Amino acid sequence: MTQPEYSPPPATPGAAYAGVAPTGLAMKRRNPITVWLLWPLLTLGIYHLVWYYKIHREMAEFDRRREVPVAGPMLVLLLLSWTFIAPLISYYNTGNRIRNAQQAAGLAPTCSPVVGLLLCFVFGAQVIYYQAELNKIADRYGVEPGTQIQLAV
């Protein structure tokens, strides 16, 4: 009896998808002003943490080829906001994740983590900016949130 030949795993992460179009779940379109001002005021700031969790969960479901932490970034805001630096790093990394999601959707990557970071100092306007950038991805597909979609890259 001969043993089957060993074939090593693909060298690059994208090589596993050669010939198969990657898929994910569509993101939800939200109003940036409502997410930034209305819901946080009505919930005494708690909605900001809920929103931050939801966008990370949606990005993880959108492109499963990338490791996107879901609860970690929200916990950084909740438990390490007193350090001041940890939330800034988390917001910067969120900008990079949104940029990667835009590329996966076949859009030009317009989200700048530096702009998002600077907007943290302008009444928390990074929420408006990041949600507007996420809405570009939702608009690209124009389907109900959670619908199976085909990624461009």
C-alpha atoms as a PDB file:
ATOM      1  CA  MET A   1       0.000   0.000   0.000  1.00  0.00           C
ATOM      2  CA  THR A   2       1.307   3.421  -0.862  1.00  0.00           C
ATOM      3  CA  GLN A   3       0.737   6.384   1.337  1.00  0.00           C
ATOM      4  CA  PRO A   4      -0.856   9.486  -0.127  1.00  0.00           C
ATOM      5  CA  GLU A   5       1.522  12.295  -0.942  1.00  0.00           C
ATOM      6  CA  TYR A   6       1.702  15.139   1.533  1.00  0.00           C
ATOM      7  CA  SER A   7       0.830  18.530   0.127  1.00  0.00           C
ATOM      8  CA  PRO A   8       1.739  21.546   2.262  1.00  0.00           C
ATOM      9  CA  PRO A   9      -0.867  24.191   3.041  1.00  0.00           C
ATOM     10  CA  PRO A  10      -1.009  27.242   0.743  1.00  0.00           C
ATOM     11  CA  ALA A  11       1.818  29.711   1.326  1.00  0.00           C
ATOM     12  CA  THR A  12      -0.398  32.787   1.227  1.00  0.00           C
ATOM     13  CA  PRO A  13      -3.729  33.293   3.010  1.00  0.00           C
ATOM     14  CA  GLY A  14      -5.517  34.134  -0.267  1.00  0.00           C
ATOM     15  CA  ALA A  15      -4.232  30.991  -1.970  1.00  0.00           C
ATOM     16  CA  ALA A  16      -6.785  28.870  -0.116  1.00  0.00           C
ATOM     17  CA  TYR A  17      -9.500  30.732  -2.038  1.00  0.00           C
ATOM     18  CA  ALA A  18      -7.997  30.296  -5.496  1.00  0.00           C
ATOM     19  CA  GLY A  19     -10.847  29.672  -7.894  1.00  0.00           C
ATOM     20  CA  VAL A  20     -13.513  30.191  -5.224  1.00  0.00           C
ATOM     21  CA  ALA A  21     -14.977  33.649  -4.738  1.00  0.00           C
ATOM     22  CA  PRO A  22     -14.906  34.650  -1.048  1.00  0.00           C
ATOM     23  CA  THR A  23     -18.232  35.487   0.558  1.00  0.00           C
ATOM     24  CA  GLY A  24     -19.386  37.255   3.676  1.00  0.00           C
ATOM     25  CA  LEU A  25     -22.436  38.842   5.271  1.00  0.00           C
ATOM     26  CA  ALA A  26     -23.646  42.326   4.334  1.00  0.00           C
ATOM     27  CA  MET A  27     -23.293  45.152   6.843  1.00  0.00           C
ATOM     28  CA  LYS A  28     -26.056  47.370   8.183  1.00  0.00           C
ATOM     29  CA  ARG A  29     -26.379  50.965   7.014  1.00  0.00           C
ATOM     30  CA  ARG A  30     -26.780  53.403   9.923  1.00  0.00           C
ATOM     31  CA  ASN A  31     -27.333  57.149  10.135  1.00  0.00           C
ATOM     32  CA  PRO A  32     -23.981  58.640  11.291  1.00  0.00           C
ATOM     33  CA  ILE A  33     -25.559  61.540  13.211  1.00  0.00           C
ATOM     34  CA  THR A  34     -27.999  59.268  15.039  1.00  0.00           C
ATOM     35  CA  VAL A  35     -25.179  56.886  15.985  1.00  0.00           C
ATOM     36  CA  TRP A  36     -22.960  59.763  17.127  1.00  0.00           C
ATOM     37  CA  LEU A  37     -25.439  61.964  19.004  1.00  0.00           C
ATOM     38  CA  LEU A  38     -29.008  60.724  19.456  1.00  0.00           C
ATOM     39  CA  TRP A  39     -28.603  57.156  20.708  1.00  0.00           C
ATOM     40  CA  PRO A  40     -25.674  57.909  23.041  1.00  0.00           C
ATOM     41  CA  LEU A  41     -27.636  60.793  24.599  1.00  0.00           C
ATOM     42  CA  LEU A  42     -30.735  58.649  25.080  1.00  0.00           C
ATOM     43  CA  THR A  43     -28.754  55.764  26.598  1.00  0.00           C
ATOM     44  CA  LEU A  44     -26.326  57.897  28.632  1.00  0.00           C
ATOM     45  CA  GLY A  45     -23.370  56.838  26.478  1.00  0.00           C
ATOM     46  CA  ILE A  46     -23.966  53.096  26.556  1.00  0.00           C
ATOM     47  CA  TYR A  47     -24.999  52.949  22.898  1.00  0.00           C
ATOM     48  CA  HIS A  48     -21.496  54.002  21.848  1.00  0.00           C
ATOM     49  CA  LEU A  49     -20.159  50.744  23.292  1.00  0.00           C
ATOM     50  CA  VAL A  50     -22.985  48.791  21.639  1.00  0.00           C
ATOM     51  CA  TRP A  51     -22.247  50.448  18.283  1.00  0.00           C
ATOM     52  CA  TYR A  52     -18.520  49.753  18.610  1.00  0.00           C
ATOM     53  CA  TYR A  53     -19.225  46.089  19.322  1.00  0.00           C
ATOM     54  CA  LYS A  54     -21.714  45.815  16.439  1.00  0.00           C
ATOM     55  CA  ILE A  55     -19.418  47.306  13.787  1.00  0.00           C
ATOM     56  CA  HIS A  56     -16.607  44.961  14.786  1.00  0.00           C
ATOM     57  CA  ARG A  57     -18.943  41.968  14.676  1.00  0.00           C
ATOM     58  CA  GLU A  58     -20.196  43.037  11.249  1.00  0.00           C
ATOM     59  CA  MET A  59     -16.642  43.481   9.935  1.00  0.00           C
ATOM     60  CA  ALA A  60     -15.733  40.008  11.234  1.00  0.00           C
ATOM     61  CA  GLU A  61     -18.746  38.488   9.479  1.00  0.00           C
ATOM     62  CA  PHE A  62     -18.198  40.555   6.331  1.00  0.00           C
ATOM     63  CA  ASP A  63     -14.689  39.272   5.576  1.00  0.00           C
ATOM     64  CA  ARG A  64     -13.992  36.010   7.398  1.00  0.00           C
ATOM     65  CA  ARG A  65     -10.531  35.791   5.851  1.00  0.00           C
ATOM     66  CA  ARG A  66      -9.291  38.423   8.300  1.00  0.00           C
ATOM     67  CA  GLU A  67      -9.043  38.137  12.048  1.00  0.00           C
ATOM     68  CA  VAL A  68     -11.247  40.923  13.407  1.00  0.00           C
ATOM     69  CA  PRO A  69     -11.632  41.034  17.184  1.00  0.00           C
ATOM     70  CA  VAL A  70     -15.244  41.472  18.201  1.00  0.00           C
ATOM     71  CA  ALA A  71     -15.525  42.102  21.942  1.00  0.00           C
ATOM     72  CA  GLY A  72     -11.921  43.179  22.574  1.00  0.00           C
ATOM     73  CA  PRO A  73     -12.134  46.707  21.137  1.00  0.00           C
ATOM     74  CA  MET A  74     -15.344  47.415  23.060  1.00  0.00           C
ATOM     75  CA  LEU A  75     -13.759  46.114  26.270  1.00  0.00           C
ATOM     76  CA  VAL A  76     -10.784  48.404  25.700  1.00  0.00           C
ATOM     77  CA  LEU A  77     -13.162  51.377  25.677  1.00  0.00           C
ATOM     78  CA  LEU A  78     -15.077  50.075  28.669  1.00  0.00           C
ATOM     79  CA  LEU A  79     -12.218  48.988  30.919  1.00  0.00           C
ATOM     80  CA  LEU A  80      -9.166  50.922  29.730  1.00  0.00           C
ATOM     81  CA  SER A  81     -10.594  54.333  28.856  1.00  0.00           C
ATOM     82  CA  TRP A  82      -8.889  55.761  31.925  1.00  0.00           C
ATOM     83  CA  THR A  83      -5.491  55.158  30.274  1.00  0.00           C
ATOM     84  CA  PHE A  84      -6.405  57.540  27.413  1.00  0.00           C
ATOM     85  CA  ILE A  85      -3.869  55.872  25.089  1.00  0.00           C
ATOM     86  CA  ALA A  86      -5.570  52.455  24.771  1.00  0.00           C
ATOM     87  CA  PRO A  87      -8.825  53.858  23.304  1.00  0.00           C
ATOM     88  CA  LEU A  88      -6.846  55.951  20.810  1.00  0.00           C
ATOM     89  CA  ILE A  89      -4.967  52.865  19.645  1.00  0.00           C
ATOM     90  CA  SER A  90      -8.276  50.995  19.403  1.00  0.00           C
ATOM     91  CA  TYR A  91      -9.845  53.751  17.273  1.00  0.00           C
ATOM     92  CA  TYR A  92      -6.768  53.828  15.027  1.00  0.00           C
ATOM     93  CA  ASN A  93      -6.936  50.041  14.535  1.00  0.00           C
ATOM     94  CA  THR A  94     -10.657  50.323  13.785  1.00  0.00           C
ATOM     95  CA  GLY A  95      -9.824  52.719  10.962  1.00  0.00           C
ATOM     96  CA  ASN A  96      -7.433  50.135   9.521  1.00  0.00           C
ATOM     97  CA  ARG A  97     -10.108  47.432   9.764  1.00  0.00           C
ATOM     98  CA  ILE A  98     -12.648  49.616   7.953  1.00  0.00           C
ATOM     99  CA  ARG A  99     -10.043  50.350   5.280  1.00  0.00           C
ATOM    100  CA  ASN A 100      -9.448  46.595   4.825  1.00  0.00           C
ATOM    101  CA  ALA A 101     -13.205  45.976   4.586  1.00  0.00           C
ATOM    102  CA  GLN A 102     -13.482  48.636   1.899  1.00  0.00           C
ATOM    103  CA  GLN A 103     -10.768  46.907  -0.101  1.00  0.00           C
ATOM    104  CA  ALA A 104     -12.518  43.552   0.315  1.00  0.00           C
ATOM    105  CA  ALA A 105     -15.703  45.140  -1.045  1.00  0.00           C
ATOM    106  CA  GLY A 106     -13.833  46.317  -4.132  1.00  0.00           C
ATOM    107  CA  LEU A 107     -13.991  49.980  -3.148  1.00  0.00           C
ATOM    108  CA  ALA A 108     -11.151  52.455  -3.083  1.00  0.00           C
ATOM    109  CA  PRO A 109      -9.886  52.467   0.536  1.00  0.00           C
ATOM    110  CA  THR A 110     -10.938  55.968   1.609  1.00  0.00           C
ATOM    111  CA  CYS A 111     -10.979  55.432   5.374  1.00  0.00           C
ATOM    112  CA  SER A 112      -7.951  57.007   7.023  1.00  0.00           C
ATOM    113  CA  PRO A 113      -7.095  55.814  10.531  1.00  0.00           C
ATOM    114  CA  VAL A 114      -5.181  59.066  11.135  1.00  0.00           C
ATOM    115  CA  VAL A 115      -8.247  61.178  10.318  1.00  0.00           C
ATOM    116  CA  GLY A 116     -10.348  58.973  12.604  1.00  0.00           C
ATOM    117  CA  LEU A 117      -7.781  59.367  15.364  1.00  0.00           C
ATOM    118  CA  LEU A 118      -7.704  63.161  15.016  1.00  0.00           C
ATOM    119  CA  LEU A 119     -11.501  63.346  15.007  1.00  0.00           C
ATOM    120  CA  CYS A 120     -11.477  61.721  18.457  1.00  0.00           C
ATOM    121  CA  PHE A 121     -10.465  65.139  19.745  1.00  0.00           C
ATOM    122  CA  VAL A 122     -13.351  66.955  17.988  1.00  0.00           C
ATOM    123  CA  PHE A 123     -16.413  66.035  20.067  1.00  0.00           C
ATOM    124  CA  GLY A 124     -15.938  62.322  19.314  1.00  0.00           C
ATOM    125  CA  ALA A 125     -16.595  62.911  15.600  1.00  0.00           C
ATOM    126  CA  GLN A 126     -14.703  59.732  14.692  1.00  0.00           C
ATOM    127  CA  VAL A 127     -18.046  57.962  15.088  1.00  0.00           C
ATOM    128  CA  ILE A 128     -19.581  60.048  12.269  1.00  0.00           C
ATOM    129  CA  TYR A 129     -16.536  59.492  10.068  1.00  0.00           C
ATOM    130  CA  TYR A 130     -16.240  55.751  10.663  1.00  0.00           C
ATOM    131  CA  GLN A 131     -19.974  55.141  10.220  1.00  0.00           C
ATOM    132  CA  ALA A 132     -19.989  57.144   6.974  1.00  0.00           C
ATOM    133  CA  GLU A 133     -17.086  55.005   5.718  1.00  0.00           C
ATOM    134  CA  LEU A 134     -18.889  51.796   6.736  1.00  0.00           C
ATOM    135  CA  ASN A 135     -22.020  53.034   4.948  1.00  0.00           C
ATOM    136  CA  LYS A 136     -20.031  53.113   1.704  1.00  0.00           C
ATOM    137  CA  ILE A 137     -19.598  49.348   2.028  1.00  0.00           C
ATOM    138  CA  ALA A 138     -23.290  48.823   2.824  1.00  0.00           C
ATOM    139  CA  ASP A 139     -24.260  51.004  -0.154  1.00  0.00           C
ATOM    140  CA  ARG A 140     -21.949  49.057  -2.440  1.00  0.00           C
ATOM    141  CA  TYR A 141     -24.092  45.958  -2.011  1.00  0.00           C
ATOM    142  CA  GLY A 142     -27.489  47.503  -1.277  1.00  0.00           C
ATOM    143  CA  VAL A 143     -28.962  44.392   0.321  1.00  0.00           C
ATOM    144  CA  GLU A 144     -30.457  43.607   3.701  1.00  0.00           C
ATOM    145  CA  PRO A 145     -27.949  43.262   6.560  1.00  0.00           C
ATOM    146  CA  GLY A 146     -26.863  39.667   7.076  1.00  0.00           C
ATOM    147  CA  THR A 147     -27.434  38.702   3.426  1.00  0.00           C
ATOM    148  CA  GLN A 148     -24.727  36.511   1.904  1.00  0.00           C
ATOM    149  CA  ILE A 149     -22.648  38.622  -0.493  1.00  0.00           C
ATOM    150  CA  GLN A 150     -19.642  38.007  -2.709  1.00  0.00           C
ATOM    151  CA  LEU A 151     -16.451  39.901  -1.883  1.00  0.00           C
ATOM    152  CA  ALA A 152     -14.431  41.542  -4.609  1.00  0.00           C
ATOM    153  CA  VAL A 153     -10.950  40.599  -3.454  1.00  0.00           C
END
